[in-house]
């Protein structure tokens, strides 16, 4: 039987051998794994680079195969340039049409009243409107002048039978002082304009129209009705404001 010392040496030698074997086995495993994974890593790196290159190239703009001949050549580039030119021309035409529809065109000088020759501006629509305003003012002024002639004014027309009836009643059956002033509108140069002015002032445009101090007491039917009721003298005195003396004629 070996001695204890010899046994210790054998155990140490065996332990050292096991350690050496384990160490070398680990190194060999690492080398094997490294050699085993190297092709995979190379394949991975190559694939990754290829995908990156494809992605970057896809982002670049290349002319399309416009003539459908299977490759991209000068014909495709020419067709692409021609298409770009047509698109730009169409865009310019669209902008031009939009500007023509949406933009404001200046009026011709002949349509602008008051611009250029003053005579041209006055001969246009503004001139005729100004003439109408002037005519209305002249009629109002003429009416005011007529109302100053007498407190009693009879607006009449020579051919109107109702006017004749009203004048016969007021001039023959009654004595009115100051004497009534008669305006025959069909003979007056401003007859139609005066009728318009009378309509504005009294609300009546028809004849006869009898005014006392600028206030209408009506036409022929109205004065005959007042006469029949015995109220015509009172009505004339009321509106005459002591400026008019009126009495029934003795002969009637």
Protein backbone atom coordinates (compact mmCIF):
# COMPACT_ATOMS: atom_id res chain seq x y z
CA UNK A 1 0.00 0.00 0.00
CA UNK A 2 1.45 3.42 -1.02
CA UNK A 3 2.51 5.72 1.70
CA UNK A 4 0.44 8.78 2.58
CA UNK A 5 3.02 11.04 1.05
CA UNK A 6 2.89 9.15 -2.21
CA UNK A 7 -0.91 9.32 -2.19
CA UNK A 8 -0.85 13.10 -1.82
CA UNK A 9 1.51 13.42 -4.77
CA UNK A 10 -0.72 11.20 -6.88
CA UNK A 11 -3.80 13.26 -5.96
CA UNK A 12 -2.04 16.54 -6.74
CA UNK A 13 -0.82 15.19 -10.06
CA UNK A 14 -4.32 13.99 -10.96
CA UNK A 15 -5.90 17.27 -9.96
CA UNK A 16 -3.34 19.19 -12.00
CA UNK A 17 -4.03 16.95 -14.97
CA UNK A 18 -7.79 17.52 -14.70
CA UNK A 19 -7.27 21.28 -14.49
CA UNK A 20 -5.00 21.27 -17.55
CA UNK A 21 -7.44 19.14 -19.49
CA UNK A 22 -10.35 21.46 -18.61
CA UNK A 23 -8.34 24.55 -19.55
CA UNK A 24 -7.30 23.21 -22.93
CA UNK A 25 -10.78 21.92 -23.61
CA UNK A 26 -12.26 25.39 -22.95
CA UNK A 27 -9.75 27.02 -25.29
CA UNK A 28 -10.52 24.54 -28.00
CA UNK A 29 -14.27 25.13 -27.54
CA UNK A 30 -13.84 28.88 -27.79
CA UNK A 31 -11.75 28.58 -30.95
CA UNK A 32 -14.24 26.19 -32.45
CA UNK A 33 -17.15 28.46 -31.66
CA UNK A 34 -15.29 31.42 -33.06
CA UNK A 35 -14.48 29.57 -36.26
CA UNK A 36 -18.03 28.21 -36.43
CA UNK A 37 -19.69 31.68 -36.15
CA UNK A 38 -17.34 33.54 -38.48
CA UNK A 39 -19.16 32.58 -41.72
CA UNK A 40 -22.52 33.44 -40.18
CA UNK A 41 -21.25 36.83 -39.10
CA UNK A 42 -19.79 37.46 -42.53
CA UNK A 43 -23.11 36.54 -44.14
CA UNK A 44 -24.98 38.79 -41.73
CA UNK A 45 -22.69 41.73 -42.36
CA UNK A 46 -22.88 41.29 -46.13
CA UNK A 47 -26.66 41.02 -46.05
CA UNK A 48 -26.97 44.11 -43.86
CA UNK A 49 -24.70 46.13 -46.13
CA UNK A 50 -26.65 45.01 -49.18
CA UNK A 51 -29.95 46.01 -47.61
CA UNK A 52 -28.58 49.42 -46.58
CA UNK A 53 -27.25 49.99 -50.07
CA UNK A 54 -30.60 49.02 -51.60
CA UNK A 55 -32.47 51.35 -49.28
CA UNK A 56 -30.24 54.30 -50.08
CA UNK A 57 -30.40 53.63 -53.79
CA UNK A 58 -34.20 53.34 -53.62
CA UNK A 59 -34.36 56.80 -52.13
CA UNK A 60 -32.48 58.26 -55.08
CA UNK A 61 -34.53 59.52 -58.03
CA UNK A 62 -34.01 57.58 -61.23
CA UNK A 63 -35.77 58.10 -64.52
CA UNK A 64 -38.57 55.61 -65.11
CA UNK A 65 -38.71 53.19 -68.00
CA UNK A 66 -41.14 55.39 -69.92
CA UNK A 67 -40.81 53.73 -73.32
CA UNK A 68 -41.31 50.24 -71.79
CA UNK A 69 -38.29 48.75 -73.54
CA UNK A 70 -36.96 47.08 -70.41
CA UNK A 71 -34.14 49.50 -69.62
CA UNK A 72 -33.64 53.15 -68.74
CA UNK A 73 -31.93 54.98 -71.59
CA UNK A 74 -31.79 58.41 -73.22
CA UNK A 75 -35.27 57.98 -74.68
CA UNK A 76 -36.70 57.64 -71.18
CA UNK A 77 -34.85 60.76 -70.03
CA UNK A 78 -36.10 62.71 -73.06
CA UNK A 79 -39.67 61.61 -72.43
CA UNK A 80 -39.35 62.61 -68.78
CA UNK A 81 -38.05 66.06 -69.69
CA UNK A 82 -40.86 66.54 -72.22
CA UNK A 83 -43.47 65.57 -69.61
CA UNK A 84 -42.01 68.06 -67.12
CA UNK A 85 -42.19 70.80 -69.76
CA UNK A 86 -45.86 70.01 -70.50
CA UNK A 87 -46.71 70.03 -66.80
CA UNK A 88 -45.11 73.46 -66.36
CA UNK A 89 -46.95 74.84 -69.40
CA UNK A 90 -50.27 73.47 -68.09
CA UNK A 91 -49.61 75.04 -64.69
CA UNK A 92 -48.87 78.41 -66.30
CA UNK A 93 -52.06 78.23 -68.38
CA UNK A 94 -54.12 77.37 -65.28
CA UNK A 95 -52.66 80.31 -63.37
CA UNK A 96 -53.35 82.66 -66.28
CA UNK A 97 -57.00 81.53 -66.52
CA UNK A 98 -57.45 81.88 -62.76
CA UNK A 99 -56.05 85.41 -62.84
CA UNK A 100 -58.35 86.40 -65.68
CA UNK A 101 -61.42 85.07 -63.86
CA UNK A 102 -60.58 86.35 -60.41
CA UNK A 103 -58.91 89.62 -61.28
CA UNK A 104 -60.76 92.95 -61.59
CA UNK A 105 -60.64 94.49 -65.02
CA UNK A 106 -60.40 98.27 -65.11
CA UNK A 107 -63.37 100.07 -66.58
CA UNK A 108 -62.87 101.70 -69.96
CA UNK A 109 -62.33 105.46 -69.70
CA UNK A 110 -65.61 106.05 -71.55
CA UNK A 111 -67.55 104.31 -68.75
CA UNK A 112 -66.00 106.30 -65.91
CA UNK A 113 -68.18 109.33 -65.13
CA UNK A 114 -66.21 112.38 -64.16
CA UNK A 115 -62.87 111.02 -65.38
CA UNK A 116 -61.23 112.59 -68.37
CA UNK A 117 -63.30 115.23 -70.15
CA UNK A 118 -65.81 116.92 -67.86
CA UNK A 119 -68.23 117.18 -70.76
CA UNK A 120 -68.13 113.41 -71.27
CA UNK A 121 -68.96 112.84 -67.60
CA UNK A 122 -71.88 115.28 -67.66
CA UNK A 123 -73.36 113.77 -70.79
CA UNK A 124 -73.62 110.32 -69.16
CA UNK A 125 -76.11 108.89 -66.70
CA UNK A 126 -75.03 111.32 -64.03
CA UNK A 127 -75.90 114.24 -66.32
CA UNK A 128 -79.50 113.09 -66.93
CA UNK A 129 -80.00 112.49 -63.21
CA UNK A 130 -78.73 115.98 -62.50
CA UNK A 131 -81.18 117.42 -65.03
CA UNK A 132 -84.08 115.65 -63.31
CA UNK A 133 -83.07 117.01 -59.93
CA UNK A 134 -82.81 120.49 -61.39
CA UNK A 135 -86.28 120.17 -62.95
CA UNK A 136 -87.80 119.16 -59.61
CA UNK A 137 -86.17 122.13 -57.90
CA UNK A 138 -87.43 124.50 -60.57
CA UNK A 139 -90.98 123.12 -60.21
CA UNK A 140 -90.90 123.56 -56.43
CA UNK A 141 -89.65 127.12 -56.84
CA UNK A 142 -92.37 127.88 -59.39
CA UNK A 143 -95.05 126.41 -57.10
CA UNK A 144 -93.87 128.58 -54.22
CA UNK A 145 -94.05 131.65 -56.47
CA UNK A 146 -97.60 130.75 -57.52
CA UNK A 147 -98.74 130.30 -53.91
CA UNK A 148 -97.69 133.88 -53.22
CA UNK A 149 -100.02 135.23 -55.89
CA UNK A 150 -103.14 134.83 -53.72
CA UNK A 151 -104.35 132.94 -50.64
CA UNK A 152 -106.74 131.02 -52.94
CA UNK A 153 -105.24 129.12 -55.88
CA UNK A 154 -107.19 126.99 -58.36
CA UNK A 155 -105.08 124.56 -60.40
CA UNK A 156 -107.06 123.70 -63.50
CA UNK A 157 -106.95 122.59 -67.12
CA UNK A 158 -108.85 124.42 -69.83
CA UNK A 159 -110.36 121.25 -71.35
CA UNK A 160 -111.33 119.58 -68.05
CA UNK A 161 -115.11 119.68 -67.30
CA UNK A 162 -114.53 119.18 -63.57
CA UNK A 163 -112.23 122.18 -63.55
CA UNK A 164 -114.93 124.25 -65.25
CA UNK A 165 -117.46 123.22 -62.60
CA UNK A 166 -115.15 124.18 -59.74
CA UNK A 167 -114.29 127.56 -61.29
CA UNK A 168 -117.95 128.33 -61.95
CA UNK A 169 -118.85 127.65 -58.32
CA UNK A 170 -116.01 129.60 -56.73
CA UNK A 171 -115.98 132.54 -59.15
CA UNK A 172 -119.71 132.99 -59.80
CA UNK A 173 -121.53 131.82 -56.67
CA UNK A 174 -119.05 133.30 -54.21
CA UNK A 175 -117.18 136.52 -53.87
CA UNK A 176 -113.68 135.81 -52.63
CA UNK A 177 -111.14 138.51 -51.80
CA UNK A 178 -108.34 138.55 -52.71
CA UNK A 179 -109.51 137.11 -56.00
CA UNK A 180 -108.51 133.48 -56.58
CA UNK A 181 -105.48 132.92 -58.83
CA UNK A 182 -106.05 130.36 -61.57
CA UNK A 183 -103.26 128.23 -63.06
CA UNK A 184 -104.10 126.36 -66.27
CA UNK A 185 -101.59 123.52 -66.14
CA UNK A 186 -102.11 122.50 -69.77
CA UNK A 187 -100.95 125.96 -70.83
CA UNK A 188 -98.15 126.35 -68.30
CA UNK A 189 -94.63 125.52 -69.61
CA UNK A 190 -93.94 123.53 -66.44
CA UNK A 191 -97.39 121.89 -66.21
CA UNK A 192 -96.38 118.21 -65.72
CA UNK A 193 -93.61 119.12 -63.29
CA UNK A 194 -96.03 121.33 -61.33
CA UNK A 195 -98.51 118.45 -61.11
CA UNK A 196 -95.73 116.29 -59.65
CA UNK A 197 -94.87 119.01 -57.15
CA UNK A 198 -98.56 119.36 -56.21
CA UNK A 199 -98.80 115.63 -55.58
CA UNK A 200 -95.85 115.83 -53.23
CA UNK A 201 -97.23 118.87 -51.39
CA UNK A 202 -100.95 118.06 -51.21
CA UNK A 203 -101.28 114.36 -52.04
CA UNK A 204 -103.41 115.20 -55.10
CA UNK A 205 -102.24 115.19 -58.70
CA UNK A 206 -105.58 115.47 -60.45
CA UNK A 207 -107.34 118.70 -61.41
CA UNK A 208 -109.02 120.74 -60.25
CA UNK A 209 -107.11 121.24 -57.05
CA UNK A 210 -108.22 124.13 -54.84
CA UNK A 211 -105.68 125.44 -52.30
CA UNK A 212 -106.29 127.88 -49.45
CA UNK A 213 -103.00 129.17 -48.00
CA UNK A 214 -101.20 126.21 -49.53
CA UNK A 215 -103.63 123.61 -48.13
CA UNK A 216 -105.86 121.63 -50.51
CA UNK A 217 -109.59 121.54 -49.79
CA UNK A 218 -110.18 119.08 -52.64
CA UNK A 219 -111.51 119.03 -56.18
CA UNK A 220 -114.83 119.82 -57.85
CA UNK A 221 -116.83 117.15 -56.02
CA UNK A 222 -115.38 118.24 -52.68
CA UNK A 223 -116.20 121.94 -53.02
CA UNK A 224 -119.69 121.14 -54.32
CA UNK A 225 -120.29 118.87 -51.33
CA UNK A 226 -119.13 121.62 -48.93
CA UNK A 227 -121.37 124.09 -50.75
CA UNK A 228 -124.37 121.78 -50.47
CA UNK A 229 -123.76 121.39 -46.72
CA UNK A 230 -123.35 125.16 -46.26
CA UNK A 231 -119.78 124.65 -45.03
CA UNK A 232 -117.73 126.05 -47.90
CA UNK A 233 -117.51 129.60 -46.50
CA UNK A 234 -116.50 128.30 -43.06
CA UNK A 235 -113.86 126.05 -44.62
CA UNK A 236 -112.35 128.90 -46.65
CA UNK A 237 -112.29 131.23 -43.63
CA UNK A 238 -110.79 128.49 -41.47
CA UNK A 239 -107.88 127.90 -43.81
CA UNK A 240 -107.64 131.54 -44.89
CA UNK A 241 -106.56 132.67 -41.39
CA UNK A 242 -108.18 136.10 -41.72
CA UNK A 243 -106.40 136.68 -45.01
CA UNK A 244 -109.47 135.80 -47.06
CA UNK A 245 -112.91 137.43 -47.15
CA UNK A 246 -115.62 135.27 -48.65
CA UNK A 247 -119.36 135.71 -49.09
CA UNK A 248 -122.10 134.27 -51.23
CA UNK A 249 -122.78 136.38 -54.29
CA UNK A 250 -126.03 138.43 -54.01
CA UNK A 251 -127.22 137.37 -57.42
CA UNK A 252 -127.15 133.69 -56.55
